[in-house]
C-alpha atoms as a PDB file:
ATOM      1  CA  MET A   1       0.127   0.183  -0.077  1.00  0.00           C
ATOM      2  CA  SER A   2       1.299   3.566  -1.088  1.00  0.00           C
ATOM      3  CA  ARG A   3       0.348   7.072  -0.250  1.00  0.00           C
ATOM      4  CA  SER A   4       1.767  10.780  -0.635  1.00  0.00           C
ATOM      5  CA  PHE A   5       1.000  13.791   1.264  1.00  0.00           C
ATOM      6  CA  SER A   6       1.895  17.565   0.216  1.00  0.00           C
ATOM      7  CA  THR A   7       4.589  19.513   1.888  1.00  0.00           C
ATOM      8  CA  ALA A   8       4.555  23.159   2.372  1.00  0.00           C
ATOM      9  CA  ALA A   9       5.831  24.389  -0.907  1.00  0.00           C
ATOM     10  CA  GLY A  10       2.964  22.413  -2.249  1.00  0.00           C
ATOM     11  CA  HIS A  11       5.194  20.073  -3.801  1.00  0.00           C
ATOM     12  CA  SER A  12       4.521  16.136  -3.249  1.00  0.00           C
ATOM     13  CA  ALA A  13       6.527  14.062  -1.224  1.00  0.00           C
ATOM     14  CA  PRO A  14       8.130  10.773  -2.190  1.00  0.00           C
ATOM     15  CA  ARG A  15       5.467   8.198  -1.847  1.00  0.00           C
ATOM     16  CA  LEU A  16       6.015   5.430   0.816  1.00  0.00           C
ATOM     17  CA  ASP A  17       5.710   1.986  -0.779  1.00  0.00           C
ATOM     18  CA  ARG A  18       5.132  -0.788   1.974  1.00  0.00           C
ATOM     19  CA  SER A  19       5.400  -3.407  -0.448  1.00  0.00           C
ATOM     20  CA  ASN A  20       9.106  -3.033  -0.202  1.00  0.00           C
ATOM     21  CA  ALA A  21       9.678  -2.909   3.276  1.00  0.00           C
ATOM     22  CA  ILE A  22      11.991  -5.423   4.347  1.00  0.00           C
ATOM     23  CA  ALA A  23       9.855  -8.664   5.905  1.00  0.00           C
ATOM     24  CA  PRO A  24      11.431 -10.647   8.736  1.00  0.00           C
ATOM     25  CA  ALA A  25      14.038 -13.312   7.536  1.00  0.00           C
ATOM     26  CA  ARG A  26      12.615 -16.719   7.847  1.00  0.00           C
ATOM     27  CA  PRO A  27      14.117 -19.888   7.980  1.00  0.00           C
ATOM     28  CA  THR A  28      13.905 -21.661   4.555  1.00  0.00           C
ATOM     29  CA  GLY A  29      15.175 -25.347   3.640  1.00  0.00           C
ATOM     30  CA  TRP A  30      16.342 -27.983   5.829  1.00  0.00           C
ATOM     31  CA  CYS A  31      16.743 -25.545   8.482  1.00  0.00           C
ATOM     32  CA  ALA A  32      12.773 -24.441   7.875  1.00  0.00           C
ATOM     33  CA  GLU A  33      11.810 -28.564   8.103  1.00  0.00           C
ATOM     34  CA  TRP A  34      13.904 -29.039  11.214  1.00  0.00           C
ATOM     35  CA  SER A  35      12.001 -25.921  12.487  1.00  0.00           C
ATOM     36  CA  GLU A  36       8.661 -27.099  11.963  1.00  0.00           C
ATOM     37  CA  ASP A  37       9.438 -30.315  13.247  1.00  0.00           C
ATOM     38  CA  TRP A  38      10.442 -29.361  16.567  1.00  0.00           C
ATOM     39  CA  ASN A  39       7.486 -27.134  17.107  1.00  0.00           C
ATOM     40  CA  ARG A  40       5.475 -29.881  16.211  1.00  0.00           C
ATOM     41  CA  PHE A  41       7.185 -32.367  18.546  1.00  0.00           C
ATOM     42  CA  TRP A  42       6.959 -30.207  21.452  1.00  0.00           C
ATOM     43  CA  PHE A  43       4.136 -27.795  21.142  1.00  0.00           C
ATOM     44  CA  THR A  44       1.056 -29.498  19.058  1.00  0.00           C
ATOM     45  CA  PRO A  45      -1.669 -29.489  21.820  1.00  0.00           C
ATOM     46  CA  SER A  46      -2.497 -32.812  23.300  1.00  0.00           C
ATOM     47  CA  ASP A  47      -4.487 -34.515  25.308  1.00  0.00           C
ATOM     48  CA  PRO A  48      -3.981 -34.110  28.869  1.00  0.00           C
ATOM     49  CA  LEU A  49      -5.430 -37.819  29.782  1.00  0.00           C
ATOM     50  CA  PRO A  50      -1.983 -39.499  29.784  1.00  0.00           C
ATOM     51  CA  LEU A  51      -0.542 -37.060  32.246  1.00  0.00           C
ATOM     52  CA  ALA A  52      -3.626 -37.769  34.318  1.00  0.00           C
ATOM     53  CA  VAL A  53      -2.701 -41.316  34.433  1.00  0.00           C
ATOM     54  CA  ILE A  54       0.618 -40.791  35.333  1.00  0.00           C
ATOM     55  CA  ARG A  55      -0.581 -38.019  38.182  1.00  0.00           C
ATOM     56  CA  ILE A  56      -2.917 -40.627  40.000  1.00  0.00           C
ATOM     57  CA  LEU A  57       0.317 -43.503  40.056  1.00  0.00           C
ATOM     58  CA  THR A  58       3.119 -41.008  40.887  1.00  0.00           C
ATOM     59  CA  GLY A  59       0.941 -39.972  43.918  1.00  0.00           C
ATOM     60  CA  LEU A  60       0.300 -43.252  45.180  1.00  0.00           C
ATOM     61  CA  ILE A  61       3.890 -44.314  45.062  1.00  0.00           C
ATOM     62  CA  LEU A  62       4.962 -40.825  46.493  1.00  0.00           C
ATOM     63  CA  CYS A  63       2.005 -41.458  49.450  1.00  0.00           C
ATOM     64  CA  TRP A  64       4.089 -44.500  49.988  1.00  0.00           C
ATOM     65  CA  ALA A  65       7.509 -43.171  50.458  1.00  0.00           C
ATOM     66  CA  CYS A  66       6.129 -40.471  52.480  1.00  0.00           C
ATOM     67  CA  ALA A  67       4.639 -43.170  54.970  1.00  0.00           C
ATOM     68  CA  VAL A  68       7.934 -44.916  55.308  1.00  0.00           C
ATOM     69  CA  TRP A  69       9.679 -41.390  56.117  1.00  0.00           C
ATOM     70  CA  LEU A  70       7.225 -40.492  58.382  1.00  0.00           C
ATOM     71  CA  MET A  71       7.678 -44.225  60.452  1.00  0.00           C
ATOM     72  CA  ASP A  72      11.165 -42.659  61.799  1.00  0.00           C
ATOM     73  CA  ALA A  73      11.279 -39.134  60.456  1.00  0.00           C
ATOM     74  CA  ASP A  74      13.689 -37.789  63.070  1.00  0.00           C
ATOM     75  CA  ALA A  75      16.320 -40.823  61.981  1.00  0.00           C
ATOM     76  CA  PHE A  76      15.475 -39.693  58.462  1.00  0.00           C
ATOM     77  CA  PHE A  77      15.644 -35.720  58.637  1.00  0.00           C
ATOM     78  CA  GLY A  78      16.401 -34.907  62.135  1.00  0.00           C
ATOM     79  CA  PRO A  79      19.509 -33.123  63.763  1.00  0.00           C
ATOM     80  CA  ARG A  80      20.886 -36.334  65.256  1.00  0.00           C
ATOM     81  CA  GLY A  81      19.294 -38.832  62.719  1.00  0.00           C
ATOM     82  CA  TRP A  82      21.469 -41.455  60.479  1.00  0.00           C
ATOM     83  CA  LEU A  83      23.295 -38.315  58.989  1.00  0.00           C
ATOM     84  CA  VAL A  84      23.679 -35.320  60.840  1.00  0.00           C
ATOM     85  CA  PRO A  85      23.088 -31.914  58.481  1.00  0.00           C
ATOM     86  CA  GLN A  86      27.231 -30.789  59.109  1.00  0.00           C
ATOM     87  CA  GLU A  87      27.915 -34.156  56.922  1.00  0.00           C
ATOM     88  CA  VAL A  88      25.190 -34.063  54.417  1.00  0.00           C
ATOM     89  CA  TRP A  89      27.559 -31.928  51.905  1.00  0.00           C
ATOM     90  CA  ARG A  90      29.733 -34.928  51.912  1.00  0.00           C
ATOM     91  CA  MET A  91      27.285 -37.196  50.195  1.00  0.00           C
ATOM     92  CA  ASN A  92      25.610 -34.387  47.998  1.00  0.00           C
ATOM     93  CA  ASP A  93      28.895 -32.938  46.696  1.00  0.00           C
ATOM     94  CA  GLN A  94      27.600 -29.384  46.726  1.00  0.00           C
ATOM     95  CA  PRO A  95      27.235 -27.558  50.021  1.00  0.00           C
ATOM     96  CA  TRP A  96      24.408 -24.818  48.407  1.00  0.00           C
ATOM     97  CA  GLN A  97      21.857 -27.807  48.161  1.00  0.00           C
ATOM     98  CA  TRP A  98      18.708 -26.669  49.349  1.00  0.00           C
ATOM     99  CA  SER A  99      16.435 -28.849  51.844  1.00  0.00           C
ATOM    100  CA  TRP A 100      13.368 -27.209  54.083  1.00  0.00           C
ATOM    101  CA  PHE A 101      14.606 -29.913  56.840  1.00  0.00           C
ATOM    102  CA  PHE A 102      17.305 -28.088  57.291  1.00  0.00           C
ATOM    103  CA  ALA A 103      15.342 -25.371  58.692  1.00  0.00           C
ATOM    104  CA  PHE A 104      14.017 -27.791  61.686  1.00  0.00           C
ATOM    105  CA  SER A 105      15.435 -28.989  64.776  1.00  0.00           C
ATOM    106  CA  SER A 106      12.544 -30.050  66.815  1.00  0.00           C
ATOM    107  CA  PRO A 107      11.222 -33.700  66.336  1.00  0.00           C
ATOM    108  CA  THR A 108       7.824 -32.507  66.095  1.00  0.00           C
ATOM    109  CA  ALA A 109       8.405 -29.684  63.330  1.00  0.00           C
ATOM    110  CA  ILE A 110      10.326 -32.245  60.993  1.00  0.00           C
ATOM    111  CA  ARG A 111       7.206 -34.608  61.286  1.00  0.00           C
ATOM    112  CA  VAL A 112       4.757 -31.625  60.706  1.00  0.00           C
ATOM    113  CA  ALA A 113       7.157 -31.009  57.428  1.00  0.00           C
ATOM    114  CA  GLY A 114       6.861 -34.640  56.708  1.00  0.00           C
ATOM    115  CA  GLY A 115       3.052 -34.517  57.143  1.00  0.00           C
ATOM    116  CA  ILE A 116       2.737 -31.451  54.428  1.00  0.00           C
ATOM    117  CA  MET A 117       4.663 -33.781  52.404  1.00  0.00           C
ATOM    118  CA  LEU A 118       2.095 -36.928  52.477  1.00  0.00           C
ATOM    119  CA  VAL A 119      -0.876 -34.442  52.622  1.00  0.00           C
ATOM    120  CA  SER A 120       0.530 -32.802  49.112  1.00  0.00           C
ATOM    121  CA  ALA A 121       1.042 -36.699  47.717  1.00  0.00           C
ATOM    122  CA  VAL A 122      -2.914 -37.102  48.713  1.00  0.00           C
ATOM    123  CA  LEU A 123      -4.041 -34.150  47.201  1.00  0.00           C
ATOM    124  CA  LEU A 124      -1.812 -34.660  44.117  1.00  0.00           C
ATOM    125  CA  THR A 125      -3.159 -38.135  43.758  1.00  0.00           C
ATOM    126  CA  ILE A 126      -7.189 -37.375  44.071  1.00  0.00           C
ATOM    127  CA  GLY A 127      -6.267 -34.322  41.924  1.00  0.00           C
ATOM    128  CA  LEU A 128      -7.475 -31.942  44.322  1.00  0.00           C
ATOM    129  CA  ALA A 129      -5.600 -28.223  44.029  1.00  0.00           C
ATOM    130  CA  THR A 130      -3.429 -30.076  41.641  1.00  0.00           C
ATOM    131  CA  PRO A 131      -0.936 -27.363  40.477  1.00  0.00           C
ATOM    132  CA  ALA A 132      -0.240 -26.248  44.156  1.00  0.00           C
ATOM    133  CA  ALA A 133      -0.023 -30.124  44.966  1.00  0.00           C
ATOM    134  CA  ALA A 134       2.359 -30.889  42.366  1.00  0.00           C
ATOM    135  CA  VAL A 135       4.785 -28.494  43.280  1.00  0.00           C
ATOM    136  CA  VAL A 136       4.829 -29.126  47.073  1.00  0.00           C
ATOM    137  CA  SER A 137       5.143 -32.783  46.148  1.00  0.00           C
ATOM    138  CA  LEU A 138       8.419 -31.825  44.030  1.00  0.00           C
ATOM    139  CA  LEU A 139       9.844 -29.459  46.614  1.00  0.00           C
ATOM    140  CA  GLY A 140       9.319 -31.768  49.191  1.00  0.00           C
ATOM    141  CA  LEU A 141      10.920 -34.574  47.280  1.00  0.00           C
ATOM    142  CA  VAL A 142      13.841 -32.319  46.777  1.00  0.00           C
ATOM    143  CA  SER A 143      14.210 -31.516  50.641  1.00  0.00           C
ATOM    144  CA  ALA A 144      14.036 -35.213  51.336  1.00  0.00           C
ATOM    145  CA  ALA A 145      16.873 -36.324  48.695  1.00  0.00           C
ATOM    146  CA  ASN A 146      18.896 -33.354  49.400  1.00  0.00           C
ATOM    147  CA  ARG A 147      18.741 -34.350  53.249  1.00  0.00           C
ATOM    148  CA  THR A 148      19.116 -37.907  53.489  1.00  0.00           C
ATOM    149  CA  PRO A 149      21.364 -38.675  50.550  1.00  0.00           C
ATOM    150  CA  LEU A 150      22.429 -41.772  52.228  1.00  0.00           C
ATOM    151  CA  ASN A 151      18.786 -42.932  51.118  1.00  0.00           C
ATOM    152  CA  THR A 152      18.485 -41.642  47.813  1.00  0.00           C
ATOM    153  CA  PHE A 153      18.204 -44.333  45.185  1.00  0.00           C
ATOM    154  CA  GLY A 154      16.740 -44.538  41.546  1.00  0.00           C
ATOM    155  CA  LEU A 155      13.299 -44.169  43.259  1.00  0.00           C
ATOM    156  CA  ASP A 156      13.742 -40.837  43.805  1.00  0.00           C
ATOM    157  CA  ASP A 157      15.203 -40.102  40.992  1.00  0.00           C
ATOM    158  CA  THR A 158      12.621 -41.487  38.788  1.00  0.00           C
ATOM    159  CA  LEU A 159      10.072 -39.631  41.070  1.00  0.00           C
ATOM    160  CA  GLY A 160      11.489 -36.230  40.423  1.00  0.00           C
ATOM    161  CA  MET A 161      11.911 -36.564  36.814  1.00  0.00           C
ATOM    162  CA  LEU A 162       7.896 -37.473  36.815  1.00  0.00           C
ATOM    163  CA  LEU A 163       7.140 -34.538  39.262  1.00  0.00           C
ATOM    164  CA  VAL A 164       8.657 -32.163  37.208  1.00  0.00           C
ATOM    165  CA  GLY A 165       6.097 -32.858  34.205  1.00  0.00           C
ATOM    166  CA  LEU A 166       2.958 -32.936  36.572  1.00  0.00           C
ATOM    167  CA  ALA A 167       4.025 -29.394  37.843  1.00  0.00           C
ATOM    168  CA  ILE A 168       4.644 -28.042  34.191  1.00  0.00           C
ATOM    169  CA  GLY A 169       1.509 -29.839  32.711  1.00  0.00           C
ATOM    170  CA  PRO A 170      -2.036 -29.499  32.950  1.00  0.00           C
ATOM    171  CA  ALA A 171      -1.825 -32.843  35.589  1.00  0.00           C
ATOM    172  CA  GLY A 172      -5.233 -31.919  36.972  1.00  0.00           C
ATOM    173  CA  SER A 173      -7.594 -31.832  33.709  1.00  0.00           C
ATOM    174  CA  ARG A 174      -8.395 -35.137  33.972  1.00  0.00           C
ATOM    175  CA  LEU A 175      -9.299 -37.868  36.420  1.00  0.00           C
ATOM    176  CA  SER A 176      -9.542 -35.147  39.355  1.00  0.00           C
ATOM    177  CA  LEU A 177     -11.398 -33.747  41.783  1.00  0.00           C
ATOM    178  CA  ASP A 178     -10.482 -30.344  40.213  1.00  0.00           C
ATOM    179  CA  ALA A 179     -12.178 -31.318  37.290  1.00  0.00           C
ATOM    180  CA  TRP A 180     -15.284 -32.531  38.757  1.00  0.00           C
ATOM    181  CA  LEU A 181     -15.862 -29.949  41.170  1.00  0.00           C
ATOM    182  CA  PHE A 182     -14.463 -26.856  39.443  1.00  0.00           C
ATOM    183  CA  GLY A 183     -14.893 -27.711  36.161  1.00  0.00           C
ATOM    184  CA  ALA A 184     -11.440 -27.004  35.817  1.00  0.00           C
ATOM    185  CA  GLY A 185     -10.618 -29.487  33.014  1.00  0.00           C
ATOM    186  CA  GLU A 186      -8.343 -28.556  29.985  1.00  0.00           C
ATOM    187  CA  GLY A 187      -8.880 -29.739  26.697  1.00  0.00           C
ATOM    188  CA  ARG A 188      -5.741 -30.362  24.139  1.00  0.00           C
ATOM    189  CA  SER A 189      -3.040 -28.332  24.929  1.00  0.00           C
ATOM    190  CA  ALA A 190       0.567 -27.339  24.102  1.00  0.00           C
ATOM    191  CA  ARG A 191       1.518 -27.661  28.233  1.00  0.00           C
ATOM    192  CA  ALA A 192       0.419 -31.375  28.210  1.00  0.00           C
ATOM    193  CA  THR A 193       2.833 -32.118  25.279  1.00  0.00           C
ATOM    194  CA  VAL A 194       5.698 -30.325  27.019  1.00  0.00           C
ATOM    195  CA  ALA A 195       4.894 -31.916  29.863  1.00  0.00           C
ATOM    196  CA  LEU A 196       4.656 -35.107  28.469  1.00  0.00           C
ATOM    197  CA  ARG A 197       7.775 -34.865  26.184  1.00  0.00           C
ATOM    198  CA  ILE A 198      10.014 -34.064  29.417  1.00  0.00           C
ATOM    199  CA  ILE A 199       9.161 -37.301  30.743  1.00  0.00           C
ATOM    200  CA  GLN A 200       9.844 -38.811  27.573  1.00  0.00           C
ATOM    201  CA  VAL A 201      13.117 -37.385  26.802  1.00  0.00           C
ATOM    202  CA  HIS A 202      14.159 -37.502  30.375  1.00  0.00           C
ATOM    203  CA  LEU A 203      13.319 -41.296  29.981  1.00  0.00           C
ATOM    204  CA  CYS A 204      15.317 -41.977  26.923  1.00  0.00           C
ATOM    205  CA  VAL A 205      18.642 -39.973  28.581  1.00  0.00           C
ATOM    206  CA  VAL A 206      18.284 -42.085  31.422  1.00  0.00           C
ATOM    207  CA  TYR A 207      17.707 -45.625  29.764  1.00  0.00           C
ATOM    208  CA  PHE A 208      20.497 -44.619  26.951  1.00  0.00           C
ATOM    209  CA  PHE A 209      23.559 -43.500  29.745  1.00  0.00           C
ATOM    210  CA  SER A 210      22.726 -46.560  32.127  1.00  0.00           C
ATOM    211  CA  GLY A 211      23.040 -48.672  28.935  1.00  0.00           C
ATOM    212  CA  CYS A 212      26.281 -47.213  28.013  1.00  0.00           C
ATOM    213  CA  GLY A 213      27.566 -47.615  31.732  1.00  0.00           C
ATOM    214  CA  LYS A 214      26.772 -51.131  31.126  1.00  0.00           C
ATOM    215  CA  LEU A 215      29.012 -51.566  28.175  1.00  0.00           C
ATOM    216  CA  LEU A 216      31.835 -50.651  30.402  1.00  0.00           C
ATOM    217  CA  GLY A 217      31.704 -53.887  32.209  1.00  0.00           C
ATOM    218  CA  ALA A 218      32.878 -56.910  31.127  1.00  0.00           C
ATOM    219  CA  SER A 219      30.001 -59.253  32.550  1.00  0.00           C
ATOM    220  CA  TRP A 220      27.634 -57.278  29.871  1.00  0.00           C
ATOM    221  CA  TRP A 221      29.511 -58.385  27.307  1.00  0.00           C
ATOM    222  CA  GLU A 222      29.932 -61.932  28.363  1.00  0.00           C
ATOM    223  CA  GLY A 223      26.345 -62.374  28.760  1.00  0.00           C
ATOM    224  CA  VAL A 224      26.607 -63.264  32.780  1.00  0.00           C
ATOM    225  CA  ALA A 225      25.750 -60.214  34.153  1.00  0.00           C
ATOM    226  CA  LEU A 226      22.233 -61.200  35.487  1.00  0.00           C
ATOM    227  CA  TRP A 227      23.857 -63.770  37.031  1.00  0.00           C
ATOM    228  CA  GLY A 228      25.810 -61.602  39.343  1.00  0.00           C
ATOM    229  CA  ALA A 229      22.297 -60.531  40.730  1.00  0.00           C
ATOM    230  CA  ALA A 230      20.772 -63.882  40.888  1.00  0.00           C
ATOM    231  CA  ALA A 231      23.590 -65.334  43.023  1.00  0.00           C
ATOM    232  CA  ASN A 232      23.603 -62.450  45.207  1.00  0.00           C
ATOM    233  CA  VAL A 233      21.608 -64.190  48.401  1.00  0.00           C
ATOM    234  CA  GLN A 234      22.129 -61.009  50.524  1.00  0.00           C
ATOM    235  CA  TYR A 235      20.465 -59.021  47.749  1.00  0.00           C
ATOM    236  CA  ARG A 236      17.795 -61.166  46.097  1.00  0.00           C
ATOM    237  CA  THR A 237      14.327 -61.587  47.216  1.00  0.00           C
ATOM    238  CA  LEU A 238      13.142 -64.554  44.902  1.00  0.00           C
ATOM    239  CA  ASP A 239      15.749 -67.485  44.209  1.00  0.00           C
ATOM    240  CA  ILE A 240      16.572 -67.893  40.597  1.00  0.00           C
ATOM    241  CA  THR A 241      19.339 -69.417  40.692  1.00  0.00           C
ATOM    242  CA  ALA A 242      18.070 -72.353  38.640  1.00  0.00           C
ATOM    243  CA  LEU A 243      18.858 -70.161  35.392  1.00  0.00           C
ATOM    244  CA  ALA A 244      22.665 -71.958  36.282  1.00  0.00           C
ATOM    245  CA  ARG A 245      21.393 -74.827  34.601  1.00  0.00           C
ATOM    246  CA  HIS A 246      20.461 -72.879  31.545  1.00  0.00           C
ATOM    247  CA  PRO A 247      23.135 -70.916  30.553  1.00  0.00           C
ATOM    248  CA  LEU A 248      22.305 -70.017  27.174  1.00  0.00           C
ATOM    249  CA  LEU A 249      18.855 -68.280  28.679  1.00  0.00           C
ATOM    250  CA  LEU A 250      21.109 -66.428  31.152  1.00  0.00           C
ATOM    251  CA  ASN A 251      22.862 -65.059  28.024  1.00  0.00           C
ATOM    252  CA  ALA A 252      20.244 -64.039  25.860  1.00  0.00           C
ATOM    253  CA  LEU A 253      18.396 -62.272  29.258  1.00  0.00           C
ATOM    254  CA  THR A 254      21.541 -60.406  29.695  1.00  0.00           C
ATOM    255  CA  LEU A 255      22.187 -59.632  25.906  1.00  0.00           C
ATOM    256  CA  GLY A 256      18.470 -58.869  25.393  1.00  0.00           C
ATOM    257  CA  THR A 257      18.572 -56.328  28.531  1.00  0.00           C
ATOM    258  CA  LEU A 258      21.529 -54.579  27.157  1.00  0.00           C
ATOM    259  CA  PHE A 259      20.433 -53.995  23.756  1.00  0.00           C
ATOM    260  CA  TRP A 260      16.917 -52.939  24.747  1.00  0.00           C
ATOM    261  CA  GLU A 261      18.485 -50.254  27.195  1.00  0.00           C
ATOM    262  CA  VAL A 262      20.594 -49.016  24.427  1.00  0.00           C
ATOM    263  CA  ALA A 263      18.433 -48.839  21.647  1.00  0.00           C
ATOM    264  CA  TYR A 264      15.488 -47.536  23.815  1.00  0.00           C
ATOM    265  CA  ALA A 265      15.822 -44.178  22.980  1.00  0.00           C
ATOM    266  CA  ALA A 266      15.617 -44.800  19.062  1.00  0.00           C
ATOM    267  CA  LEU A 267      13.252 -47.275  19.296  1.00  0.00           C
ATOM    268  CA  VAL A 268      10.534 -46.352  21.579  1.00  0.00           C
ATOM    269  CA  TRP A 269       9.493 -43.570  18.941  1.00  0.00           C
ATOM    270  CA  PRO A 270       8.357 -45.500  15.874  1.00  0.00           C
ATOM    271  CA  ARG A 271       4.810 -47.090  16.278  1.00  0.00           C
ATOM    272  CA  LEU A 272       6.118 -50.375  14.780  1.00  0.00           C
ATOM    273  CA  THR A 273       8.496 -51.308  17.635  1.00  0.00           C
ATOM    274  CA  ARG A 274       6.928 -48.859  20.201  1.00  0.00           C
ATOM    275  CA  ARG A 275       4.910 -51.713  22.004  1.00  0.00           C
ATOM    276  CA  LEU A 276       7.403 -53.887  22.036  1.00  0.00           C
ATOM    277  CA  PHE A 277       9.935 -51.869  24.189  1.00  0.00           C
ATOM    278  CA  LEU A 278       7.392 -50.756  26.089  1.00  0.00           C
ATOM    279  CA  ALA A 279       6.290 -54.457  26.695  1.00  0.00           C
ATOM    280  CA  MET A 280      10.103 -55.162  27.451  1.00  0.00           C
ATOM    281  CA  ALA A 281      10.225 -52.213  29.841  1.00  0.00           C
ATOM    282  CA  VAL A 282       7.184 -53.949  32.154  1.00  0.00           C
ATOM    283  CA  ALA A 283       9.141 -57.243  31.994  1.00  0.00           C
ATOM    284  CA  VAL A 284      12.515 -55.821  32.960  1.00  0.00           C
ATOM    285  CA  HIS A 285      11.252 -53.562  35.509  1.00  0.00           C
ATOM    286  CA  LEU A 286       9.125 -56.183  37.097  1.00  0.00           C
ATOM    287  CA  GLY A 287      11.922 -58.626  37.122  1.00  0.00           C
ATOM    288  CA  ILE A 288      13.841 -56.305  38.812  1.00  0.00           C
ATOM    289  CA  GLY A 289      11.209 -55.441  41.534  1.00  0.00           C
ATOM    290  CA  LEU A 290      10.301 -59.268  41.889  1.00  0.00           C
ATOM    291  CA  THR A 291      13.721 -60.490  42.061  1.00  0.00           C
ATOM    292  CA  MET A 292      15.710 -57.569  43.879  1.00  0.00           C
ATOM    293  CA  GLY A 293      13.384 -56.409  46.344  1.00  0.00           C
ATOM    294  CA  MET A 294      13.166 -53.165  44.255  1.00  0.00           C
ATOM    295  CA  MET A 295       9.587 -53.050  43.111  1.00  0.00           C
ATOM    296  CA  GLU A 296       8.976 -49.126  44.132  1.00  0.00           C
ATOM    297  CA  PHE A 297      11.614 -48.052  41.854  1.00  0.00           C
ATOM    298  CA  GLY A 298       9.892 -50.749  38.681  1.00  0.00           C
ATOM    299  CA  LEU A 299       6.597 -49.245  39.792  1.00  0.00           C
ATOM    300  CA  ALA A 300       7.834 -45.435  39.001  1.00  0.00           C
ATOM    301  CA  MET A 301       9.893 -46.862  36.201  1.00  0.00           C
ATOM    302  CA  ILE A 302       6.953 -48.405  34.505  1.00  0.00           C
ATOM    303  CA  THR A 303       4.665 -45.438  35.123  1.00  0.00           C
ATOM    304  CA  ALA A 304       7.338 -43.260  33.778  1.00  0.00           C
ATOM    305  CA  ASN A 305       6.852 -45.321  30.247  1.00  0.00           C
ATOM    306  CA  LEU A 306       3.241 -44.850  30.262  1.00  0.00           C
ATOM    307  CA  ALA A 307       4.048 -41.277  28.945  1.00  0.00           C
ATOM    308  CA  PHE A 308       4.197 -43.070  25.679  1.00  0.00           C
ATOM    309  CA  VAL A 309       0.799 -44.779  25.892  1.00  0.00           C
ATOM    310  CA  SER A 310      -1.437 -42.159  23.913  1.00  0.00           C
ATOM    311  CA  ALA A 311      -4.613 -41.205  25.081  1.00  0.00           C
ATOM    312  CA  GLU A 312      -6.666 -42.884  22.688  1.00  0.00           C
ATOM    313  CA  THR A 313      -5.140 -46.281  23.908  1.00  0.00           C
ATOM    314  CA  TRP A 314      -6.258 -45.408  27.710  1.00  0.00           C
ATOM    315  CA  ARG A 315      -9.844 -44.697  26.285  1.00  0.00           C
ATOM    316  CA  ARG A 316      -9.916 -48.415  24.451  1.00  0.00           C
ATOM    317  CA  ILE A 317      -8.472 -49.946  27.396  1.00  0.00           C
ATOM    318  CA  LEU A 318     -10.478 -48.304  30.077  1.00  0.00           C
ATOM    319  CA  PRO A 319     -13.519 -45.778  30.161  1.00  0.00           C
ATOM    320  CA  LEU A 320     -11.232 -43.567  31.994  1.00  0.00           C
ATOM    321  CA  ASP A 321     -12.180 -40.120  30.191  1.00  0.00           C
ATOM    322  CA  ARG A 322     -15.799 -40.502  30.912  1.00  0.00           C
ATOM    323  CA  LEU A 323     -14.590 -39.646  34.364  1.00  0.00           C
ATOM    324  CA  SER A 324     -12.417 -36.659  34.186  1.00  0.00           C
ATOM    325  CA  THR A 325     -15.630 -34.050  34.142  1.00  0.00           C
ATOM    326  CA  PRO A 326     -19.131 -34.066  34.812  1.00  0.00           C
ATOM    327  CA  SER A 327     -21.559 -33.716  32.213  1.00  0.00           C
ATOM    328  CA  SER A 328     -22.712 -30.170  34.190  1.00  0.00           C
ATOM    329  CA  HIS A 329     -19.133 -29.086  33.466  1.00  0.00           C
ATOM    330  CA  PRO A 330     -18.701 -29.604  29.619  1.00  0.00           C
ATOM    331  CA  ARG A 331     -15.157 -28.597  28.441  1.00  0.00           C
ATOM    332  CA  THR A 332     -14.039 -27.526  24.958  1.00  0.00           C
ATOM    333  CA  ASP A 333     -11.051 -28.711  23.666  1.00  0.00           C
ATOM    334  CA  LEU A 334      -8.867 -26.586  22.478  1.00  0.00           C
ATOM    335  CA  ALA A 335      -7.455 -26.142  18.678  1.00  0.00           C
END
């Protein structure tokens, strides 16, 4: 569009032609395709139903962890507990790591802080005040892990990974009291996608580097690493020493587990191989839980793998979506 205006001398000023204005540069070629794929991967709106299922299971596991901590809160978090506060930095290797338990010294205050963690975990499970419950649960878990590094294992790391996604995404939009009581259900949204992607990508990173670490051990290359766990009578909870009579099966289980862990980050995304790798994840983590006494960790890892299960699959398996919001609170999915 162009226009002209008169000057004081009566002459027409130069015409301004906006069609010749310089437009912002936009990526072209492979860069444009990569940018579009990146945005599509992270920000395409998706149904928060899978995030709601993960919220419920994560909340239940966190409730169990909080209940265990409260059985002897002073020993876990007290100033005269198993690890005194002055020595925590030696285990954390980071003297600035924060924990709200450092601010409490009396057993009563420590139990109250632990009780707040348990209440937030319960609220997260049932989906009441979900955003606040997710944030408080995450802060409580970080506080517990930083205060008791001697007792921090894979379960705590996995719960932290899950709670980050739940705190970011609309975890209370489905299967929650928030949606039923206040009509707080949210339709398809980019936040749900970002939350699920964070869990998925984090899970892939964990598996890949765990598998690469196993490649440094000769027993994994030789196919006998699982026998070390089976033969450890002080660590196992299920006697599977009968595997000694089947060395080829033991080799196959060891090498198959190693291949699954290293290849997970690449082969869990294609639909052709996704179901196989998710089924192997369930088998591996249930096996670890049953034979090595790490059932809580196994259940948390299986919960994280559910981030790859679509909302359509959940609707086919169980009528969960009908429980998300009552008919009196209809919601419109976002485009």
